[in-house]
Amino acid sequence: MTFIKLFLRGIALLPSLIQGIESLFGAKTGAQKKEAAISIVGSAINMADAVSSKQIADAGSFSAGLEQIIDGVVACLNASIWAKSPAPVEGSGS
């Protein structure tokens, strides 16, 4: 599989991956959760193999870009309805 296909597959997993990490590591810091996401996505796209085969020329810049993508996905998810707990309904109960 070409690198771009692996990369896009790894990126496509981010929303569900981040939700899973939030469930598993809810009490951890945001930085710890981000590091877990980077590790998993890096493994999913075989980052070590991509660096050694020269498909990634600058691993540091690639990792920084991956961090920005993860931050963006987290920001989108946090701004969406899934992150909000439902508000109590007025007048319900006895």
PDB file of N, CA and C in Angstrom:
ATOM      1  N   MET A   1       0.852  -1.178   0.000  1.00  0.00           N
ATOM      2  CA  MET A   1       0.000   0.000   0.000  1.00  0.00           C
ATOM      3  C   MET A   1       0.893   1.235   0.000  1.00  0.00           C
ATOM      4  N   THR A   2       0.529   2.226  -0.788  1.00  0.00           N
ATOM      5  CA  THR A   2       1.337   3.435  -0.858  1.00  0.00           C
ATOM      6  C   THR A   2       1.227   4.224   0.443  1.00  0.00           C
ATOM      7  N   PHE A   3       2.224   5.065   0.663  1.00  0.00           N
ATOM      8  CA  PHE A   3       2.269   5.846   1.891  1.00  0.00           C
ATOM      9  C   PHE A   3       1.039   6.728   2.042  1.00  0.00           C
ATOM     10  N   ILE A   4       0.616   7.381   0.978  1.00  0.00           N
ATOM     11  CA  ILE A   4      -0.525   8.304   1.079  1.00  0.00           C
ATOM     12  C   ILE A   4      -1.786   7.558   1.508  1.00  0.00           C
ATOM     13  N   LYS A   5      -1.974   6.342   1.016  1.00  0.00           N
ATOM     14  CA  LYS A   5      -3.134   5.554   1.434  1.00  0.00           C
ATOM     15  C   LYS A   5      -3.045   5.202   2.912  1.00  0.00           C
ATOM     16  N   LEU A   6      -1.866   4.819   3.371  1.00  0.00           N
ATOM     17  CA  LEU A   6      -1.678   4.524   4.794  1.00  0.00           C
ATOM     18  C   LEU A   6      -1.918   5.762   5.648  1.00  0.00           C
ATOM     19  N   PHE A   7      -1.379   6.898   5.183  1.00  0.00           N
ATOM     20  CA  PHE A   7      -1.537   8.149   5.918  1.00  0.00           C
ATOM     21  C   PHE A   7      -3.007   8.538   6.043  1.00  0.00           C
ATOM     22  N   LEU A   8      -3.721   8.492   4.931  1.00  0.00           N
ATOM     23  CA  LEU A   8      -5.138   8.867   4.959  1.00  0.00           C
ATOM     24  C   LEU A   8      -5.961   7.890   5.790  1.00  0.00           C
ATOM     25  N   ARG A   9      -5.610   6.622   5.756  1.00  0.00           N
ATOM     26  CA  ARG A   9      -6.303   5.641   6.595  1.00  0.00           C
ATOM     27  C   ARG A   9      -6.081   5.963   8.070  1.00  0.00           C
ATOM     28  N   GLY A  10      -4.836   6.314   8.425  1.00  0.00           N
ATOM     29  CA  GLY A  10      -4.538   6.687   9.809  1.00  0.00           C
ATOM     30  C   GLY A  10      -5.301   7.921  10.244  1.00  0.00           C
ATOM     31  N   ILE A  11      -5.389   8.915   9.372  1.00  0.00           N
ATOM     32  CA  ILE A  11      -6.109  10.151   9.689  1.00  0.00           C
ATOM     33  C   ILE A  11      -7.609   9.885   9.819  1.00  0.00           C
ATOM     34  N   ALA A  12      -8.139   9.012   8.984  1.00  0.00           N
ATOM     35  CA  ALA A  12      -9.571   8.714   9.029  1.00  0.00           C
ATOM     36  C   ALA A  12      -9.976   8.072  10.352  1.00  0.00           C
ATOM     37  N   LEU A  13      -9.047   7.445  11.019  1.00  0.00           N
ATOM     38  CA  LEU A  13      -9.336   6.793  12.296  1.00  0.00           C
ATOM     39  C   LEU A  13      -9.375   7.766  13.473  1.00  0.00           C
ATOM     40  N   LEU A  14      -8.897   8.994  13.271  1.00  0.00           N
ATOM     41  CA  LEU A  14      -8.717   9.908  14.398  1.00  0.00           C
ATOM     42  C   LEU A  14      -9.963  10.170  15.240  1.00  0.00           C
ATOM     43  N   PRO A  15     -11.115  10.516  14.667  1.00  0.00           N
ATOM     44  CA  PRO A  15     -12.252  10.804  15.551  1.00  0.00           C
ATOM     45  C   PRO A  15     -12.607   9.636  16.477  1.00  0.00           C
ATOM     46  N   SER A  16     -12.705   8.434  15.945  1.00  0.00           N
ATOM     47  CA  SER A  16     -13.045   7.301  16.809  1.00  0.00           C
ATOM     48  C   SER A  16     -11.901   6.964  17.753  1.00  0.00           C
ATOM     49  N   LEU A  17     -10.680   7.119  17.294  1.00  0.00           N
ATOM     50  CA  LEU A  17      -9.529   6.880  18.152  1.00  0.00           C
ATOM     51  C   LEU A  17      -9.516   7.847  19.331  1.00  0.00           C
ATOM     52  N   ILE A  18      -9.763   9.105  19.058  1.00  0.00           N
ATOM     53  CA  ILE A  18      -9.763  10.113  20.126  1.00  0.00           C
ATOM     54  C   ILE A  18     -10.887   9.846  21.121  1.00  0.00           C
ATOM     55  N   GLN A  19     -12.043   9.457  20.642  1.00  0.00           N
ATOM     56  CA  GLN A  19     -13.141   9.119  21.552  1.00  0.00           C
ATOM     57  C   GLN A  19     -12.761   7.921  22.425  1.00  0.00           C
ATOM     58  N   GLY A  20     -12.114   6.925  21.828  1.00  0.00           N
ATOM     59  CA  GLY A  20     -11.678   5.760  22.589  1.00  0.00           C
ATOM     60  C   GLY A  20     -10.637   6.115  23.636  1.00  0.00           C
ATOM     61  N   ILE A  21      -9.689   6.953  23.251  1.00  0.00           N
ATOM     62  CA  ILE A  21      -8.658   7.384  24.199  1.00  0.00           C
ATOM     63  C   ILE A  21      -9.291   8.162  25.339  1.00  0.00           C
ATOM     64  N   GLU A  22     -10.259   9.006  25.018  1.00  0.00           N
ATOM     65  CA  GLU A  22     -10.955   9.770  26.059  1.00  0.00           C
ATOM     66  C   GLU A  22     -11.647   8.827  27.042  1.00  0.00           C
ATOM     67  N   SER A  23     -12.252   7.772  26.525  1.00  0.00           N
ATOM     68  CA  SER A  23     -12.925   6.800  27.393  1.00  0.00           C
ATOM     69  C   SER A  23     -11.923   6.058  28.276  1.00  0.00           C
ATOM     70  N   LEU A  24     -10.804   5.666  27.678  1.00  0.00           N
ATOM     71  CA  LEU A  24      -9.810   4.883  28.420  1.00  0.00           C
ATOM     72  C   LEU A  24      -8.953   5.716  29.358  1.00  0.00           C
ATOM     73  N   PHE A  25      -8.598   6.930  28.924  1.00  0.00           N
ATOM     74  CA  PHE A  25      -7.666   7.761  29.668  1.00  0.00           C
ATOM     75  C   PHE A  25      -8.300   9.054  30.156  1.00  0.00           C
ATOM     76  N   GLY A  26      -9.589   9.030  30.478  1.00  0.00           N
ATOM     77  CA  GLY A  26     -10.317  10.238  30.863  1.00  0.00           C
ATOM     78  C   GLY A  26      -9.665  11.031  31.976  1.00  0.00           C
ATOM     79  N   ALA A  27      -9.024  10.348  32.929  1.00  0.00           N
ATOM     80  CA  ALA A  27      -8.422  11.033  34.070  1.00  0.00           C
ATOM     81  C   ALA A  27      -7.023  11.559  33.774  1.00  0.00           C
ATOM     82  N   LYS A  28      -6.453  11.186  32.633  1.00  0.00           N
ATOM     83  CA  LYS A  28      -5.104  11.638  32.274  1.00  0.00           C
ATOM     84  C   LYS A  28      -5.152  13.061  31.729  1.00  0.00           C
ATOM     85  N   THR A  29      -3.978  13.670  31.596  1.00  0.00           N
ATOM     86  CA  THR A  29      -3.909  15.027  31.060  1.00  0.00           C
ATOM     87  C   THR A  29      -4.118  15.003  29.547  1.00  0.00           C
ATOM     88  N   GLY A  30      -4.420  16.163  28.997  1.00  0.00           N
ATOM     89  CA  GLY A  30      -4.574  16.283  27.553  1.00  0.00           C
ATOM     90  C   GLY A  30      -3.296  15.904  26.814  1.00  0.00           C
ATOM     91  N   ALA A  31      -2.150  16.284  27.371  1.00  0.00           N
ATOM     92  CA  ALA A  31      -0.868  15.949  26.741  1.00  0.00           C
ATOM     93  C   ALA A  31      -0.648  14.443  26.707  1.00  0.00           C
ATOM     94  N   GLN A  32      -1.030  13.749  27.768  1.00  0.00           N
ATOM     95  CA  GLN A  32      -0.874  12.297  27.800  1.00  0.00           C
ATOM     96  C   GLN A  32      -1.805  11.626  26.783  1.00  0.00           C
ATOM     97  N   LYS A  33      -3.013  12.155  26.664  1.00  0.00           N
ATOM     98  CA  LYS A  33      -3.957  11.614  25.686  1.00  0.00           C
ATOM     99  C   LYS A  33      -3.448  11.856  24.261  1.00  0.00           C
ATOM    100  N   LYS A  34      -2.892  13.059  24.019  1.00  0.00           N
ATOM    101  CA  LYS A  34      -2.373  13.373  22.692  1.00  0.00           C
ATOM    102  C   LYS A  34      -1.206  12.455  22.357  1.00  0.00           C
ATOM    103  N   GLU A  35      -0.326  12.212  23.309  1.00  0.00           N
ATOM    104  CA  GLU A  35       0.815  11.320  23.079  1.00  0.00           C
ATOM    105  C   GLU A  35       0.335   9.909  22.735  1.00  0.00           C
ATOM    106  N   ALA A  36      -0.716   9.443  23.397  1.00  0.00           N
ATOM    107  CA  ALA A  36      -1.273   8.122  23.077  1.00  0.00           C
ATOM    108  C   ALA A  36      -1.820   8.106  21.657  1.00  0.00           C
ATOM    109  N   ALA A  37      -2.520   9.174  21.266  1.00  0.00           N
ATOM    110  CA  ALA A  37      -3.072   9.250  19.902  1.00  0.00           C
ATOM    111  C   ALA A  37      -1.962   9.285  18.861  1.00  0.00           C
ATOM    112  N   ILE A  38      -0.911  10.055  19.110  1.00  0.00           N
ATOM    113  CA  ILE A  38       0.215  10.137  18.170  1.00  0.00           C
ATOM    114  C   ILE A  38       0.882   8.774  18.036  1.00  0.00           C
ATOM    115  N   SER A  39       1.052   8.101  19.138  1.00  0.00           N
ATOM    116  CA  SER A  39       1.678   6.781  19.113  1.00  0.00           C
ATOM    117  C   SER A  39       0.864   5.788  18.295  1.00  0.00           C
ATOM    118  N   ILE A  40      -0.438   5.779  18.517  1.00  0.00           N
ATOM    119  CA  ILE A  40      -1.301   4.839  17.802  1.00  0.00           C
ATOM    120  C   ILE A  40      -1.362   5.165  16.317  1.00  0.00           C
ATOM    121  N   VAL A  41      -1.552   6.435  15.986  1.00  0.00           N
ATOM    122  CA  VAL A  41      -1.624   6.822  14.571  1.00  0.00           C
ATOM    123  C   VAL A  41      -0.275   6.597  13.893  1.00  0.00           C
ATOM    124  N   GLY A  42       0.810   6.925  14.587  1.00  0.00           N
ATOM    125  CA  GLY A  42       2.142   6.684  14.033  1.00  0.00           C
ATOM    126  C   GLY A  42       2.354   5.215  13.714  1.00  0.00           C
ATOM    127  N   SER A  43       1.876   4.353  14.593  1.00  0.00           N
ATOM    128  CA  SER A  43       1.972   2.916  14.338  1.00  0.00           C
ATOM    129  C   SER A  43       1.072   2.504  13.179  1.00  0.00           C
ATOM    130  N   ALA A  44      -0.120   3.087  13.130  1.00  0.00           N
ATOM    131  CA  ALA A  44      -1.072   2.722  12.078  1.00  0.00           C
ATOM    132  C   ALA A  44      -0.530   3.056  10.693  1.00  0.00           C
ATOM    133  N   ILE A  45       0.229   4.130  10.578  1.00  0.00           N
ATOM    134  CA  ILE A  45       0.765   4.484   9.255  1.00  0.00           C
ATOM    135  C   ILE A  45       2.199   3.997   9.088  1.00  0.00           C
ATOM    136  N   ASN A  46       2.639   3.148  10.019  1.00  0.00           N
ATOM    137  CA  ASN A  46       3.987   2.577   9.939  1.00  0.00           C
ATOM    138  C   ASN A  46       5.046   3.664   9.780  1.00  0.00           C
ATOM    139  N   MET A  47       4.996   4.648  10.680  1.00  0.00           N
ATOM    140  CA  MET A  47       5.869   5.806  10.559  1.00  0.00           C
ATOM    141  C   MET A  47       7.345   5.419  10.548  1.00  0.00           C
ATOM    142  N   ALA A  48       7.754   4.462  11.362  1.00  0.00           N
ATOM    143  CA  ALA A  48       9.167   4.062  11.383  1.00  0.00           C
ATOM    144  C   ALA A  48       9.586   3.511  10.027  1.00  0.00           C
ATOM    145  N   ASP A  49       8.733   2.688   9.424  1.00  0.00           N
ATOM    146  CA  ASP A  49       9.042   2.151   8.093  1.00  0.00           C
ATOM    147  C   ASP A  49       9.081   3.259   7.054  1.00  0.00           C
ATOM    148  N   ALA A  50       8.155   4.218   7.167  1.00  0.00           N
ATOM    149  CA  ALA A  50       8.106   5.311   6.197  1.00  0.00           C
ATOM    150  C   ALA A  50       9.360   6.178   6.282  1.00  0.00           C
ATOM    151  N   VAL A  51       9.871   6.387   7.504  1.00  0.00           N
ATOM    152  CA  VAL A  51      11.098   7.178   7.663  1.00  0.00           C
ATOM    153  C   VAL A  51      12.282   6.415   7.073  1.00  0.00           C
ATOM    154  N   SER A  52      12.373   5.120   7.380  1.00  0.00           N
ATOM    155  CA  SER A  52      13.526   4.355   6.897  1.00  0.00           C
ATOM    156  C   SER A  52      13.505   4.169   5.379  1.00  0.00           C
ATOM    157  N   SER A  53      12.315   4.154   4.787  1.00  0.00           N
ATOM    158  CA  SER A  53      12.247   4.007   3.329  1.00  0.00           C
ATOM    159  C   SER A  53      12.211   5.364   2.620  1.00  0.00           C
ATOM    160  N   LYS A  54      12.440   6.441   3.385  1.00  0.00           N
ATOM    161  CA  LYS A  54      12.547   7.802   2.849  1.00  0.00           C
ATOM    162  C   LYS A  54      11.223   8.369   2.335  1.00  0.00           C
ATOM    163  N   GLN A  55      10.090   7.750   2.720  1.00  0.00           N
ATOM    164  CA  GLN A  55       8.803   8.338   2.358  1.00  0.00           C
ATOM    165  C   GLN A  55       8.498   9.537   3.249  1.00  0.00           C
ATOM    166  N   ILE A  56       9.090   9.554   4.438  1.00  0.00           N
ATOM    167  CA  ILE A  56       9.037  10.725   5.316  1.00  0.00           C
ATOM    168  C   ILE A  56      10.474  11.223   5.421  1.00  0.00           C
ATOM    169  N   ALA A  57      10.722  12.412   4.883  1.00  0.00           N
ATOM    170  CA  ALA A  57      12.079  12.955   4.853  1.00  0.00           C
ATOM    171  C   ALA A  57      12.440  13.654   6.161  1.00  0.00           C
ATOM    172  N   ASP A  58      11.453  14.238   6.850  1.00  0.00           N
ATOM    173  CA  ASP A  58      11.690  14.986   8.083  1.00  0.00           C
ATOM    174  C   ASP A  58      10.695  14.501   9.135  1.00  0.00           C
ATOM    175  N   ALA A  59      11.120  13.530   9.933  1.00  0.00           N
ATOM    176  CA  ALA A  59      10.230  12.915  10.923  1.00  0.00           C
ATOM    177  C   ALA A  59       9.725  13.934  11.950  1.00  0.00           C
ATOM    178  N   GLY A  60      10.567  14.885  12.325  1.00  0.00           N
ATOM    179  CA  GLY A  60      10.161  15.898  13.304  1.00  0.00           C
ATOM    180  C   GLY A  60       9.022  16.761  12.782  1.00  0.00           C
ATOM    181  N   SER A  61       9.144  17.220  11.554  1.00  0.00           N
ATOM    182  CA  SER A  61       8.075  18.033  10.958  1.00  0.00           C
ATOM    183  C   SER A  61       6.816  17.208  10.742  1.00  0.00           C
ATOM    184  N   PHE A  62       6.991  15.953  10.364  1.00  0.00           N
ATOM    185  CA  PHE A  62       5.835  15.080  10.180  1.00  0.00           C
ATOM    186  C   PHE A  62       5.091  14.910  11.499  1.00  0.00           C
ATOM    187  N   SER A  63       5.827  14.653  12.578  1.00  0.00           N
ATOM    188  CA  SER A  63       5.202  14.491  13.893  1.00  0.00           C
ATOM    189  C   SER A  63       4.515  15.774  14.339  1.00  0.00           C
ATOM    190  N   ALA A  64       5.136  16.922  14.069  1.00  0.00           N
ATOM    191  CA  ALA A  64       4.519  18.208  14.426  1.00  0.00           C
ATOM    192  C   ALA A  64       3.222  18.411  13.655  1.00  0.00           C
ATOM    193  N   GLY A  65       3.220  18.055  12.389  1.00  0.00           N
ATOM    194  CA  GLY A  65       1.997  18.152  11.594  1.00  0.00           C
ATOM    195  C   GLY A  65       0.921  17.216  12.104  1.00  0.00           C
ATOM    196  N   LEU A  66       1.311  16.008  12.482  1.00  0.00           N
ATOM    197  CA  LEU A  66       0.360  15.047  13.032  1.00  0.00           C
ATOM    198  C   LEU A  66      -0.254  15.572  14.326  1.00  0.00           C
ATOM    199  N   GLU A  67       0.565  16.206  15.164  1.00  0.00           N
ATOM    200  CA  GLU A  67       0.059  16.816  16.402  1.00  0.00           C
ATOM    201  C   GLU A  67      -0.971  17.898  16.089  1.00  0.00           C
ATOM    202  N   GLN A  68      -0.718  18.707  15.066  1.00  0.00           N
ATOM    203  CA  GLN A  68      -1.669  19.756  14.691  1.00  0.00           C
ATOM    204  C   GLN A  68      -2.983  19.157  14.198  1.00  0.00           C
ATOM    205  N   ILE A  69      -2.893  18.071  13.440  1.00  0.00           N
ATOM    206  CA  ILE A  69      -4.113  17.415  12.964  1.00  0.00           C
ATOM    207  C   ILE A  69      -4.912  16.884  14.144  1.00  0.00           C
ATOM    208  N   ILE A  70      -4.229  16.249  15.099  1.00  0.00           N
ATOM    209  CA  ILE A  70      -4.907  15.710  16.282  1.00  0.00           C
ATOM    210  C   ILE A  70      -5.541  16.838  17.080  1.00  0.00           C
ATOM    211  N   ASP A  71      -4.806  17.952  17.263  1.00  0.00           N
ATOM    212  CA  ASP A  71      -5.373  19.103  17.970  1.00  0.00           C
ATOM    213  C   ASP A  71      -6.630  19.619  17.263  1.00  0.00           C
ATOM    214  N   GLY A  72      -6.602  19.667  15.942  1.00  0.00           N
ATOM    215  CA  GLY A  72      -7.764  20.132  15.176  1.00  0.00           C
ATOM    216  C   GLY A  72      -8.957  19.203  15.323  1.00  0.00           C
ATOM    217  N   VAL A  73      -8.712  17.903  15.270  1.00  0.00           N
ATOM    218  CA  VAL A  73      -9.815  16.941  15.442  1.00  0.00           C
ATOM    219  C   VAL A  73     -10.396  17.060  16.839  1.00  0.00           C
ATOM    220  N   VAL A  74      -9.544  17.183  17.854  1.00  0.00           N
ATOM    221  CA  VAL A  74     -10.028  17.347  19.229  1.00  0.00           C
ATOM    222  C   VAL A  74     -10.848  18.625  19.359  1.00  0.00           C
ATOM    223  N   ALA A  75     -10.384  19.722  18.769  1.00  0.00           N
ATOM    224  CA  ALA A  75     -11.124  20.987  18.825  1.00  0.00           C
ATOM    225  C   ALA A  75     -12.496  20.840  18.174  1.00  0.00           C
ATOM    226  N   CYS A  76     -12.550  20.166  17.023  1.00  0.00           N
ATOM    227  CA  CYS A  76     -13.842  19.958  16.347  1.00  0.00           C
ATOM    228  C   CYS A  76     -14.767  19.094  17.189  1.00  0.00           C
ATOM    229  N   LEU A  77     -14.225  18.015  17.746  1.00  0.00           N
ATOM    230  CA  LEU A  77     -15.059  17.140  18.571  1.00  0.00           C
ATOM    231  C   LEU A  77     -15.530  17.855  19.836  1.00  0.00           C
ATOM    232  N   ASN A  78     -14.650  18.633  20.458  1.00  0.00           N
ATOM    233  CA  ASN A  78     -15.041  19.366  21.666  1.00  0.00           C
ATOM    234  C   ASN A  78     -16.103  20.421  21.380  1.00  0.00           C
ATOM    235  N   ALA A  79     -16.118  20.950  20.174  1.00  0.00           N
ATOM    236  CA  ALA A  79     -17.099  21.970  19.805  1.00  0.00           C
ATOM    237  C   ALA A  79     -18.413  21.357  19.330  1.00  0.00           C
ATOM    238  N   SER A  80     -18.421  20.050  19.131  1.00  0.00           N
ATOM    239  CA  SER A  80     -19.626  19.398  18.619  1.00  0.00           C
ATOM    240  C   SER A  80     -20.486  18.866  19.753  1.00  0.00           C
ATOM    241  N   ILE A  81     -21.639  18.400  19.389  1.00  0.00           N
ATOM    242  CA  ILE A  81     -22.626  17.952  20.362  1.00  0.00           C
ATOM    243  C   ILE A  81     -22.173  16.721  21.131  1.00  0.00           C
ATOM    244  N   TRP A  82     -21.301  15.876  20.545  1.00  0.00           N
ATOM    245  CA  TRP A  82     -20.921  14.653  21.241  1.00  0.00           C
ATOM    246  C   TRP A  82     -20.213  14.948  22.562  1.00  0.00           C
ATOM    247  N   ALA A  83     -19.542  16.093  22.659  1.00  0.00           N
ATOM    248  CA  ALA A  83     -18.794  16.421  23.861  1.00  0.00           C
ATOM    249  C   ALA A  83     -19.671  17.035  24.944  1.00  0.00           C
ATOM    250  N   LYS A  84     -20.852  17.448  24.571  1.00  0.00           N
ATOM    251  CA  LYS A  84     -21.735  18.113  25.523  1.00  0.00           C
ATOM    252  C   LYS A  84     -22.675  17.093  26.152  1.00  0.00           C
ATOM    253  N   SER A  85     -22.804  17.164  27.473  1.00  0.00           N
ATOM    254  CA  SER A  85     -23.780  16.283  28.109  1.00  0.00           C
ATOM    255  C   SER A  85     -25.154  16.912  27.924  1.00  0.00           C
ATOM    256  N   PRO A  86     -26.182  16.082  27.773  1.00  0.00           N
ATOM    257  CA  PRO A  86     -27.514  16.644  27.547  1.00  0.00           C
ATOM    258  C   PRO A  86     -27.956  17.492  28.744  1.00  0.00           C
ATOM    259  N   ALA A  87     -28.551  18.620  28.429  1.00  0.00           N
ATOM    260  CA  ALA A  87     -29.049  19.505  29.470  1.00  0.00           C
ATOM    261  C   ALA A  87     -30.294  18.898  30.094  1.00  0.00           C
ATOM    262  N   PRO A  88     -30.480  19.078  31.405  1.00  0.00           N
ATOM    263  CA  PRO A  88     -31.702  18.540  32.029  1.00  0.00           C
ATOM    264  C   PRO A  88     -32.931  19.223  31.442  1.00  0.00           C
ATOM    265  N   VAL A  89     -33.970  18.459  31.301  1.00  0.00           N
ATOM    266  CA  VAL A  89     -35.208  18.980  30.737  1.00  0.00           C
ATOM    267  C   VAL A  89     -35.983  19.690  31.831  1.00  0.00           C
ATOM    268  N   GLU A  90     -36.351  20.931  31.575  1.00  0.00           N
ATOM    269  CA  GLU A  90     -37.112  21.730  32.536  1.00  0.00           C
ATOM    270  C   GLU A  90     -38.484  21.119  32.791  1.00  0.00           C
ATOM    271  N   GLY A  91     -38.883  21.094  34.020  1.00  0.00           N
ATOM    272  CA  GLY A  91     -40.232  20.641  34.346  1.00  0.00           C
ATOM    273  C   GLY A  91     -40.389  19.129  34.396  1.00  0.00           C
ATOM    274  N   SER A  92     -39.291  18.370  34.221  1.00  0.00           N
ATOM    275  CA  SER A  92     -39.432  16.926  34.305  1.00  0.00           C
ATOM    276  C   SER A  92     -39.302  16.483  35.750  1.00  0.00           C
ATOM    277  N   GLY A  93     -39.793  15.338  36.054  1.00  0.00           N
ATOM    278  CA  GLY A  93     -39.737  14.821  37.402  1.00  0.00           C
ATOM    279  C   GLY A  93     -41.027  15.133  38.134  1.00  0.00           C
ATOM    280  N   SER A  94     -41.022  14.875  39.482  1.00  0.00           N
ATOM    281  CA  SER A  94     -42.273  15.089  40.221  1.00  0.00           C
ATOM    282  C   SER A  94     -42.280  16.334  41.031  1.00  0.00           C
TER     283      SER A  94
END
